[in-house]
Amino acid sequence: MCGALAGHFTVTSHTDLPGTVSARVHHHGVTDDQPTPTPPTVRDRLTTAGLSGERIEQHLTAGRVRVDGAHVSDLDAPAPAGTRVVVWGG
């Protein structure tokens, strides 16, 4: 290949319609209704921050975990993006 066609190619399969250049068309019902993702929990957020499960439990038992200033006693409580999760001491 040379000139204007250099680097230009099309990949098709036997199931693609002739001339298909974009994503395949779904012939079954596709809607915009998607299940709402569950927000991350306090445990998820602290694990993502690098704390081990054991260390998280230690902080919880010592009363050092807060979400938006409120004391947390349930690590499975929601802590969506935008909430402030704080652990101090220890």
N, C-alpha and C. Protein backbone atom coordinates (compact mmCIF):
# COMPACT_ATOMS: atom_id res chain seq x y z
N MET A 1 0.83 -1.18 0.00
CA MET A 1 0.00 0.00 0.00
C MET A 1 0.87 1.24 0.00
N CYS A 2 0.41 2.23 -0.65
CA CYS A 2 1.16 3.47 -0.65
C CYS A 2 0.22 4.63 -0.86
N GLY A 3 0.71 5.82 -0.70
CA GLY A 3 -0.08 7.01 -0.94
C GLY A 3 -1.20 7.19 0.08
N ALA A 4 -2.38 7.61 -0.39
CA ALA A 4 -3.51 7.94 0.48
C ALA A 4 -4.07 6.73 1.21
N LEU A 5 -3.84 5.52 0.72
CA LEU A 5 -4.40 4.34 1.34
C LEU A 5 -3.51 3.74 2.43
N ALA A 6 -2.33 4.24 2.59
CA ALA A 6 -1.41 3.69 3.60
C ALA A 6 -2.04 3.82 4.98
N GLY A 7 -2.09 2.71 5.73
CA GLY A 7 -2.62 2.73 7.09
C GLY A 7 -4.14 2.62 7.16
N HIS A 8 -4.84 2.55 6.04
CA HIS A 8 -6.29 2.47 6.03
C HIS A 8 -6.71 1.04 5.75
N PHE A 9 -7.54 0.47 6.64
CA PHE A 9 -8.00 -0.89 6.40
C PHE A 9 -9.36 -1.08 7.04
N THR A 10 -10.07 -2.09 6.62
CA THR A 10 -11.38 -2.44 7.16
C THR A 10 -11.37 -3.91 7.53
N VAL A 11 -11.90 -4.22 8.70
CA VAL A 11 -11.99 -5.59 9.15
C VAL A 11 -13.46 -5.97 9.21
N THR A 12 -13.81 -7.06 8.57
CA THR A 12 -15.19 -7.53 8.62
C THR A 12 -15.19 -9.01 8.94
N SER A 13 -16.34 -9.51 9.29
CA SER A 13 -16.48 -10.95 9.49
C SER A 13 -17.64 -11.41 8.62
N HIS A 14 -17.86 -12.70 8.55
CA HIS A 14 -18.93 -13.23 7.72
C HIS A 14 -20.30 -12.81 8.22
N THR A 15 -20.43 -12.42 9.48
CA THR A 15 -21.73 -12.04 10.02
C THR A 15 -22.01 -10.55 9.89
N ASP A 16 -21.02 -9.76 9.52
CA ASP A 16 -21.23 -8.32 9.33
C ASP A 16 -21.95 -8.06 8.02
N LEU A 17 -22.80 -7.06 8.05
CA LEU A 17 -23.46 -6.66 6.82
C LEU A 17 -22.44 -5.98 5.92
N PRO A 18 -22.56 -6.13 4.61
CA PRO A 18 -21.62 -5.46 3.72
C PRO A 18 -21.63 -3.95 3.98
N GLY A 19 -20.46 -3.37 4.07
CA GLY A 19 -20.36 -1.93 4.27
C GLY A 19 -20.44 -1.50 5.72
N THR A 20 -20.55 -2.43 6.67
CA THR A 20 -20.62 -2.08 8.08
C THR A 20 -19.29 -1.47 8.52
N VAL A 21 -19.36 -0.28 9.11
CA VAL A 21 -18.14 0.38 9.56
C VAL A 21 -18.21 0.78 11.02
N SER A 22 -19.33 0.57 11.67
CA SER A 22 -19.44 0.96 13.07
C SER A 22 -19.83 -0.25 13.91
N ALA A 23 -20.22 0.01 15.14
CA ALA A 23 -20.60 -1.08 16.02
C ALA A 23 -21.77 -1.86 15.44
N ARG A 24 -21.80 -3.14 15.74
CA ARG A 24 -22.87 -3.99 15.23
C ARG A 24 -24.21 -3.54 15.79
N VAL A 25 -25.25 -3.74 15.02
CA VAL A 25 -26.61 -3.40 15.42
C VAL A 25 -27.18 -4.57 16.20
N HIS A 26 -27.79 -4.29 17.33
CA HIS A 26 -28.42 -5.33 18.13
C HIS A 26 -29.85 -5.48 17.67
N HIS A 27 -30.26 -6.69 17.40
CA HIS A 27 -31.60 -6.92 16.93
C HIS A 27 -32.55 -7.31 18.06
N HIS A 28 -32.04 -7.40 19.27
CA HIS A 28 -32.91 -7.68 20.40
C HIS A 28 -33.17 -6.37 21.13
N GLY A 29 -34.10 -6.39 22.07
CA GLY A 29 -34.46 -5.16 22.78
C GLY A 29 -33.32 -4.62 23.61
N VAL A 30 -32.90 -3.42 23.32
CA VAL A 30 -31.87 -2.74 24.08
C VAL A 30 -32.47 -1.44 24.57
N THR A 31 -32.40 -1.20 25.88
CA THR A 31 -32.95 0.02 26.43
C THR A 31 -31.88 0.76 27.20
N ASP A 32 -32.21 1.99 27.56
CA ASP A 32 -31.31 2.78 28.39
C ASP A 32 -31.50 2.48 29.86
N ASP A 33 -32.47 1.65 30.19
CA ASP A 33 -32.74 1.30 31.58
C ASP A 33 -31.68 0.33 32.07
N GLN A 34 -30.78 0.81 32.84
CA GLN A 34 -29.72 -0.01 33.42
C GLN A 34 -29.92 -0.03 34.93
N PRO A 35 -29.58 -1.13 35.57
CA PRO A 35 -29.68 -1.14 37.04
C PRO A 35 -28.78 -0.07 37.63
N THR A 36 -29.28 0.58 38.64
CA THR A 36 -28.51 1.62 39.30
C THR A 36 -27.39 0.95 40.09
N PRO A 37 -26.15 1.34 39.84
CA PRO A 37 -25.05 0.72 40.58
C PRO A 37 -25.16 1.08 42.07
N THR A 38 -24.80 0.13 42.91
CA THR A 38 -24.82 0.42 44.34
C THR A 38 -23.63 1.29 44.69
N PRO A 39 -23.84 2.26 45.57
CA PRO A 39 -22.72 3.12 45.93
C PRO A 39 -21.68 2.34 46.73
N PRO A 40 -20.44 2.77 46.70
CA PRO A 40 -19.42 2.09 47.49
C PRO A 40 -19.73 2.23 48.99
N THR A 41 -19.28 1.26 49.75
CA THR A 41 -19.47 1.30 51.20
C THR A 41 -18.25 1.94 51.86
N VAL A 42 -18.39 2.18 53.16
CA VAL A 42 -17.26 2.70 53.93
C VAL A 42 -16.08 1.74 53.79
N ARG A 43 -16.35 0.44 53.90
CA ARG A 43 -15.31 -0.58 53.76
C ARG A 43 -14.64 -0.49 52.38
N ASP A 44 -15.45 -0.35 51.32
CA ASP A 44 -14.91 -0.23 49.96
C ASP A 44 -13.96 0.96 49.85
N ARG A 45 -14.40 2.09 50.39
CA ARG A 45 -13.60 3.31 50.27
C ARG A 45 -12.28 3.17 51.03
N LEU A 46 -12.32 2.57 52.22
CA LEU A 46 -11.09 2.43 53.01
C LEU A 46 -10.16 1.39 52.40
N THR A 47 -10.73 0.33 51.84
CA THR A 47 -9.91 -0.68 51.16
C THR A 47 -9.23 -0.07 49.94
N THR A 48 -9.97 0.73 49.18
CA THR A 48 -9.42 1.41 48.01
C THR A 48 -8.29 2.36 48.42
N ALA A 49 -8.41 2.92 49.62
CA ALA A 49 -7.36 3.83 50.12
C ALA A 49 -6.12 3.08 50.58
N GLY A 50 -6.20 1.73 50.62
CA GLY A 50 -5.02 0.95 50.94
C GLY A 50 -5.00 0.32 52.32
N LEU A 51 -6.07 0.46 53.10
CA LEU A 51 -6.10 -0.15 54.42
C LEU A 51 -6.50 -1.62 54.32
N SER A 52 -5.89 -2.45 55.13
CA SER A 52 -6.25 -3.88 55.16
C SER A 52 -7.55 -4.04 55.92
N GLY A 53 -8.21 -5.17 55.71
CA GLY A 53 -9.44 -5.45 56.43
C GLY A 53 -9.23 -5.46 57.93
N GLU A 54 -8.10 -6.03 58.36
CA GLU A 54 -7.79 -6.07 59.79
C GLU A 54 -7.62 -4.67 60.36
N ARG A 55 -6.91 -3.82 59.64
CA ARG A 55 -6.67 -2.45 60.11
C ARG A 55 -7.98 -1.65 60.14
N ILE A 56 -8.83 -1.87 59.16
CA ILE A 56 -10.13 -1.18 59.14
C ILE A 56 -10.93 -1.58 60.37
N GLU A 57 -10.96 -2.87 60.69
CA GLU A 57 -11.70 -3.35 61.87
C GLU A 57 -11.13 -2.74 63.14
N GLN A 58 -9.80 -2.61 63.23
CA GLN A 58 -9.18 -2.01 64.40
C GLN A 58 -9.64 -0.56 64.57
N HIS A 59 -9.64 0.19 63.48
CA HIS A 59 -10.06 1.59 63.55
C HIS A 59 -11.54 1.68 63.92
N LEU A 60 -12.36 0.80 63.36
CA LEU A 60 -13.80 0.82 63.66
C LEU A 60 -14.03 0.52 65.15
N THR A 61 -13.37 -0.52 65.65
CA THR A 61 -13.53 -0.91 67.06
C THR A 61 -13.10 0.22 67.99
N ALA A 62 -12.06 0.95 67.61
CA ALA A 62 -11.56 2.06 68.43
C ALA A 62 -12.39 3.33 68.25
N GLY A 63 -13.38 3.30 67.36
CA GLY A 63 -14.24 4.47 67.16
C GLY A 63 -13.58 5.58 66.37
N ARG A 64 -12.65 5.23 65.47
CA ARG A 64 -11.90 6.25 64.73
C ARG A 64 -12.35 6.42 63.28
N VAL A 65 -13.54 5.94 62.92
CA VAL A 65 -14.01 6.06 61.54
C VAL A 65 -15.22 7.00 61.52
N ARG A 66 -15.16 7.99 60.66
CA ARG A 66 -16.28 8.94 60.50
C ARG A 66 -16.56 9.17 59.03
N VAL A 67 -17.82 9.40 58.72
CA VAL A 67 -18.25 9.77 57.37
C VAL A 67 -18.98 11.09 57.47
N ASP A 68 -18.46 12.09 56.78
CA ASP A 68 -19.00 13.45 56.84
C ASP A 68 -19.19 13.91 58.28
N GLY A 69 -18.23 13.55 59.14
CA GLY A 69 -18.25 14.00 60.54
C GLY A 69 -19.03 13.11 61.48
N ALA A 70 -19.81 12.17 60.97
CA ALA A 70 -20.62 11.30 61.83
C ALA A 70 -19.87 10.00 62.11
N HIS A 71 -19.91 9.57 63.37
CA HIS A 71 -19.27 8.31 63.78
C HIS A 71 -19.91 7.16 63.02
N VAL A 72 -19.11 6.20 62.58
CA VAL A 72 -19.60 5.06 61.82
C VAL A 72 -19.47 3.80 62.65
N SER A 73 -20.56 3.01 62.70
CA SER A 73 -20.49 1.72 63.39
C SER A 73 -20.74 0.56 62.42
N ASP A 74 -21.09 0.88 61.17
CA ASP A 74 -21.37 -0.14 60.16
C ASP A 74 -20.50 0.11 58.94
N LEU A 75 -19.53 -0.77 58.71
CA LEU A 75 -18.63 -0.60 57.57
C LEU A 75 -19.32 -0.81 56.23
N ASP A 76 -20.50 -1.40 56.24
CA ASP A 76 -21.24 -1.63 55.01
C ASP A 76 -22.22 -0.50 54.71
N ALA A 77 -22.15 0.58 55.48
CA ALA A 77 -22.98 1.76 55.21
C ALA A 77 -22.50 2.41 53.90
N PRO A 78 -23.42 2.98 53.12
CA PRO A 78 -23.01 3.62 51.87
C PRO A 78 -22.10 4.82 52.13
N ALA A 79 -21.12 4.98 51.24
CA ALA A 79 -20.22 6.13 51.29
C ALA A 79 -19.93 6.54 49.86
N PRO A 80 -20.95 7.11 49.16
CA PRO A 80 -20.77 7.44 47.75
C PRO A 80 -19.73 8.53 47.55
N ALA A 81 -19.30 8.66 46.31
CA ALA A 81 -18.34 9.71 45.96
C ALA A 81 -18.89 11.05 46.44
N GLY A 82 -18.02 11.85 46.97
CA GLY A 82 -18.43 13.16 47.47
C GLY A 82 -18.56 13.17 48.99
N THR A 83 -18.69 12.00 49.62
CA THR A 83 -18.71 11.96 51.08
C THR A 83 -17.27 11.90 51.57
N ARG A 84 -17.06 12.42 52.75
CA ARG A 84 -15.72 12.46 53.32
C ARG A 84 -15.58 11.36 54.36
N VAL A 85 -14.72 10.39 54.08
CA VAL A 85 -14.45 9.27 54.99
C VAL A 85 -13.13 9.57 55.69
N VAL A 86 -13.17 9.60 57.02
CA VAL A 86 -11.97 9.98 57.79
C VAL A 86 -11.65 8.90 58.81
N VAL A 87 -10.37 8.54 58.91
CA VAL A 87 -9.85 7.65 59.93
C VAL A 87 -8.68 8.39 60.56
N TRP A 88 -8.65 8.41 61.90
CA TRP A 88 -7.53 9.09 62.53
C TRP A 88 -6.98 8.25 63.68
N GLY A 89 -5.75 8.56 64.07
CA GLY A 89 -5.11 7.91 65.21
C GLY A 89 -4.63 6.51 64.92
N GLY A 90 -4.09 5.90 65.94
CA GLY A 90 -3.73 4.50 65.91
C GLY A 90 -2.52 4.15 65.17
